[in-house]
């Protein structure tokens, strides 16, 4: 009986191991024309391969969301910068900016005065929700 109990406790401990905590970050965003720029202003480095981005315009999600990282993707102009670019470093660190441009083939297209919301997550855990009003580009 004692041996069975010890095995049960070991199995439960292994299955209930805590998940890796999400990084904490302070970020800011600007939207100029069709370009969205996000800056990592403080906090932990972010593993780019574990990051996801979700964009809404006036409360409506883009039909195509930006894959991270990428160079060329449907619904976006080629050549994003910083952490959003596939050729970037594996970690996004404090002081780094990253940007991408929404193509006219994506819907809704960003117009001056639109409210743009961007949510960043790491390992499906939200780390930031940013809002900005689009300025003319």
C-alpha atoms as a PDB file:
ATOM      1  CA  UNK A   1       0.000   0.000   0.000  1.00  0.00           C
ATOM      2  CA  UNK A   2       2.797   2.457   0.801  1.00  0.00           C
ATOM      3  CA  UNK A   3       4.575   1.808  -2.516  1.00  0.00           C
ATOM      4  CA  UNK A   4       1.404   2.489  -4.529  1.00  0.00           C
ATOM      5  CA  UNK A   5       0.785   5.754  -2.676  1.00  0.00           C
ATOM      6  CA  UNK A   6       4.340   6.988  -3.289  1.00  0.00           C
ATOM      7  CA  UNK A   7       4.050   6.252  -7.019  1.00  0.00           C
ATOM      8  CA  UNK A   8       0.720   8.109  -7.165  1.00  0.00           C
ATOM      9  CA  UNK A   9       2.206  11.200  -5.524  1.00  0.00           C
ATOM     10  CA  UNK A  10       5.170  11.214  -7.906  1.00  0.00           C
ATOM     11  CA  UNK A  11       2.895  10.975 -10.962  1.00  0.00           C
ATOM     12  CA  UNK A  12       0.672  13.790  -9.702  1.00  0.00           C
ATOM     13  CA  UNK A  13       3.676  16.032  -9.050  1.00  0.00           C
ATOM     14  CA  UNK A  14       5.035  15.449 -12.549  1.00  0.00           C
ATOM     15  CA  UNK A  15       1.688  16.157 -14.246  1.00  0.00           C
ATOM     16  CA  UNK A  16       1.017  19.332 -12.249  1.00  0.00           C
ATOM     17  CA  UNK A  17       4.357  21.049 -12.876  1.00  0.00           C
ATOM     18  CA  UNK A  18       3.834  24.821 -13.173  1.00  0.00           C
ATOM     19  CA  UNK A  19       3.849  26.451 -16.591  1.00  0.00           C
ATOM     20  CA  UNK A  20       6.688  28.796 -17.463  1.00  0.00           C
ATOM     21  CA  UNK A  21       5.626  32.344 -16.527  1.00  0.00           C
ATOM     22  CA  UNK A  22       5.027  34.843 -19.316  1.00  0.00           C
ATOM     23  CA  UNK A  23       7.471  37.703 -19.612  1.00  0.00           C
ATOM     24  CA  UNK A  24       6.435  41.120 -18.403  1.00  0.00           C
ATOM     25  CA  UNK A  25       6.957  44.045 -20.728  1.00  0.00           C
ATOM     26  CA  UNK A  26       6.143  47.716 -21.069  1.00  0.00           C
ATOM     27  CA  UNK A  27       5.365  48.534 -24.688  1.00  0.00           C
ATOM     28  CA  UNK A  28       4.086  51.468 -26.722  1.00  0.00           C
ATOM     29  CA  UNK A  29       2.578  51.720 -30.193  1.00  0.00           C
ATOM     30  CA  UNK A  30       2.273  54.235 -33.027  1.00  0.00           C
ATOM     31  CA  UNK A  31       0.170  53.909 -36.173  1.00  0.00           C
ATOM     32  CA  UNK A  32       1.099  56.055 -39.132  1.00  0.00           C
ATOM     33  CA  UNK A  33      -0.673  55.332 -42.407  1.00  0.00           C
ATOM     34  CA  UNK A  34      -0.622  51.566 -42.855  1.00  0.00           C
ATOM     35  CA  UNK A  35       2.464  51.113 -40.606  1.00  0.00           C
ATOM     36  CA  UNK A  36       2.123  49.812 -37.044  1.00  0.00           C
ATOM     37  CA  UNK A  37       5.218  50.284 -34.869  1.00  0.00           C
ATOM     38  CA  UNK A  38       5.606  48.745 -31.421  1.00  0.00           C
ATOM     39  CA  UNK A  39       8.476  49.616 -29.068  1.00  0.00           C
ATOM     40  CA  UNK A  40       9.699  47.454 -26.175  1.00  0.00           C
ATOM     41  CA  UNK A  41      10.098  50.154 -23.506  1.00  0.00           C
ATOM     42  CA  UNK A  42      10.901  47.996 -20.469  1.00  0.00           C
ATOM     43  CA  UNK A  43      10.733  44.597 -18.825  1.00  0.00           C
ATOM     44  CA  UNK A  44      11.875  41.127 -19.826  1.00  0.00           C
ATOM     45  CA  UNK A  45      13.321  40.061 -23.173  1.00  0.00           C
ATOM     46  CA  UNK A  46      10.635  38.410 -25.321  1.00  0.00           C
ATOM     47  CA  UNK A  47      11.264  35.206 -27.294  1.00  0.00           C
ATOM     48  CA  UNK A  48      10.130  36.190 -30.787  1.00  0.00           C
ATOM     49  CA  UNK A  49       9.279  32.593 -31.777  1.00  0.00           C
ATOM     50  CA  UNK A  50       6.780  32.366 -28.891  1.00  0.00           C
ATOM     51  CA  UNK A  51       5.131  35.730 -29.600  1.00  0.00           C
ATOM     52  CA  UNK A  52       1.794  36.273 -31.339  1.00  0.00           C
ATOM     53  CA  UNK A  53       0.169  39.517 -32.509  1.00  0.00           C
ATOM     54  CA  UNK A  54      -3.538  40.201 -33.017  1.00  0.00           C
ATOM     55  CA  UNK A  55      -4.726  43.463 -34.617  1.00  0.00           C
ATOM     56  CA  UNK A  56      -8.192  45.050 -34.699  1.00  0.00           C
ATOM     57  CA  UNK A  57      -9.286  48.237 -36.454  1.00  0.00           C
ATOM     58  CA  UNK A  58     -12.264  50.039 -34.885  1.00  0.00           C
ATOM     59  CA  UNK A  59     -13.044  46.813 -33.001  1.00  0.00           C
ATOM     60  CA  UNK A  60     -12.971  44.593 -36.126  1.00  0.00           C
ATOM     61  CA  UNK A  61     -10.136  42.020 -36.322  1.00  0.00           C
ATOM     62  CA  UNK A  62      -8.014  42.056 -39.467  1.00  0.00           C
ATOM     63  CA  UNK A  63      -9.004  39.241 -41.834  1.00  0.00           C
ATOM     64  CA  UNK A  64      -5.351  38.163 -41.874  1.00  0.00           C
ATOM     65  CA  UNK A  65      -3.280  38.473 -38.706  1.00  0.00           C
ATOM     66  CA  UNK A  66       0.486  38.957 -38.916  1.00  0.00           C
ATOM     67  CA  UNK A  67       2.515  35.808 -38.354  1.00  0.00           C
ATOM     68  CA  UNK A  68       5.534  36.431 -36.116  1.00  0.00           C
ATOM     69  CA  UNK A  69       8.196  36.542 -37.307  1.00  0.00           C
ATOM     70  CA  UNK A  70       7.709  36.896 -41.080  1.00  0.00           C
ATOM     71  CA  UNK A  71       9.196  38.531 -44.152  1.00  0.00           C
ATOM     72  CA  UNK A  72       6.386  38.211 -46.655  1.00  0.00           C
ATOM     73  CA  UNK A  73       2.839  37.230 -45.691  1.00  0.00           C
ATOM     74  CA  UNK A  74      -0.602  37.565 -47.261  1.00  0.00           C
ATOM     75  CA  UNK A  75      -2.313  40.749 -46.093  1.00  0.00           C
ATOM     76  CA  UNK A  76       0.941  42.553 -45.225  1.00  0.00           C
ATOM     77  CA  UNK A  77       3.573  44.445 -47.164  1.00  0.00           C
ATOM     78  CA  UNK A  78       6.937  42.614 -47.301  1.00  0.00           C
ATOM     79  CA  UNK A  79       9.817  43.569 -45.062  1.00  0.00           C
ATOM     80  CA  UNK A  80       8.625  44.118 -41.498  1.00  0.00           C
ATOM     81  CA  UNK A  81      11.305  45.494 -39.166  1.00  0.00           C
ATOM     82  CA  UNK A  82      12.733  44.480 -35.810  1.00  0.00           C
ATOM     83  CA  UNK A  83      11.236  41.525 -33.955  1.00  0.00           C
ATOM     84  CA  UNK A  84       8.513  41.079 -36.585  1.00  0.00           C
ATOM     85  CA  UNK A  85      11.118  40.287 -39.275  1.00  0.00           C
ATOM     86  CA  UNK A  86      12.199  36.655 -39.756  1.00  0.00           C
ATOM     87  CA  UNK A  87      15.850  37.767 -39.984  1.00  0.00           C
ATOM     88  CA  UNK A  88      15.750  39.470 -36.560  1.00  0.00           C
ATOM     89  CA  UNK A  89      17.341  38.272 -33.342  1.00  0.00           C
ATOM     90  CA  UNK A  90      15.545  35.536 -31.412  1.00  0.00           C
ATOM     91  CA  UNK A  91      14.857  37.907 -28.512  1.00  0.00           C
ATOM     92  CA  UNK A  92      13.132  41.274 -28.520  1.00  0.00           C
ATOM     93  CA  UNK A  93      14.867  43.406 -25.909  1.00  0.00           C
ATOM     94  CA  UNK A  94      14.248  46.761 -24.249  1.00  0.00           C
ATOM     95  CA  UNK A  95      14.795  49.648 -26.652  1.00  0.00           C
ATOM     96  CA  UNK A  96      13.911  47.627 -29.739  1.00  0.00           C
ATOM     97  CA  UNK A  97      11.176  48.728 -32.121  1.00  0.00           C
ATOM     98  CA  UNK A  98       9.336  46.485 -34.543  1.00  0.00           C
ATOM     99  CA  UNK A  99       6.964  47.439 -37.323  1.00  0.00           C
ATOM    100  CA  UNK A 100       4.860  46.003 -40.116  1.00  0.00           C
ATOM    101  CA  UNK A 101       2.601  47.447 -42.791  1.00  0.00           C
ATOM    102  CA  UNK A 102      -0.935  46.282 -43.486  1.00  0.00           C
ATOM    103  CA  UNK A 103      -1.535  45.749 -47.211  1.00  0.00           C
ATOM    104  CA  UNK A 104      -4.576  47.062 -49.052  1.00  0.00           C
ATOM    105  CA  UNK A 105      -5.592  43.422 -49.601  1.00  0.00           C
ATOM    106  CA  UNK A 106      -6.283  43.015 -45.875  1.00  0.00           C
ATOM    107  CA  UNK A 107      -9.591  44.089 -44.375  1.00  0.00           C
ATOM    108  CA  UNK A 108     -10.327  46.415 -42.699  1.00  0.00           C
ATOM    109  CA  UNK A 109      -7.678  48.696 -44.117  1.00  0.00           C
ATOM    110  CA  UNK A 110      -6.378  51.353 -41.698  1.00  0.00           C
ATOM    111  CA  UNK A 111      -7.536  54.921 -42.414  1.00  0.00           C
ATOM    112  CA  UNK A 112      -6.462  58.121 -40.590  1.00  0.00           C
ATOM    113  CA  UNK A 113      -8.510  58.522 -37.414  1.00  0.00           C
ATOM    114  CA  UNK A 114      -9.174  54.763 -37.024  1.00  0.00           C
ATOM    115  CA  UNK A 115      -8.674  53.224 -33.595  1.00  0.00           C
ATOM    116  CA  UNK A 116      -6.130  50.410 -33.845  1.00  0.00           C
ATOM    117  CA  UNK A 117      -5.792  47.815 -31.093  1.00  0.00           C
ATOM    118  CA  UNK A 118      -2.863  45.407 -30.930  1.00  0.00           C
ATOM    119  CA  UNK A 119      -2.608  42.511 -28.497  1.00  0.00           C
ATOM    120  CA  UNK A 120       0.735  40.825 -27.845  1.00  0.00           C
ATOM    121  CA  UNK A 121       0.875  37.364 -26.319  1.00  0.00           C
ATOM    122  CA  UNK A 122       3.604  34.887 -25.487  1.00  0.00           C
ATOM    123  CA  UNK A 123       2.795  31.172 -25.285  1.00  0.00           C
ATOM    124  CA  UNK A 124      -0.876  32.180 -25.651  1.00  0.00           C
ATOM    125  CA  UNK A 125      -0.658  34.343 -22.492  1.00  0.00           C
ATOM    126  CA  UNK A 126      -1.468  38.053 -23.030  1.00  0.00           C
ATOM    127  CA  UNK A 127       1.371  40.424 -22.152  1.00  0.00           C
ATOM    128  CA  UNK A 128       0.150  43.740 -23.615  1.00  0.00           C
ATOM    129  CA  UNK A 129      -2.896  45.396 -25.154  1.00  0.00           C
ATOM    130  CA  UNK A 130      -2.125  48.646 -26.963  1.00  0.00           C
ATOM    131  CA  UNK A 131      -4.361  51.240 -28.587  1.00  0.00           C
ATOM    132  CA  UNK A 132      -3.542  54.126 -30.893  1.00  0.00           C
ATOM    133  CA  UNK A 133      -5.326  56.399 -33.303  1.00  0.00           C
ATOM    134  CA  UNK A 134      -4.020  56.122 -36.870  1.00  0.00           C
ATOM    135  CA  UNK A 135      -2.332  59.249 -38.182  1.00  0.00           C
ATOM    136  CA  UNK A 136      -1.976  60.071 -41.870  1.00  0.00           C
ATOM    137  CA  UNK A 137       1.095  58.444 -43.412  1.00  0.00           C
END
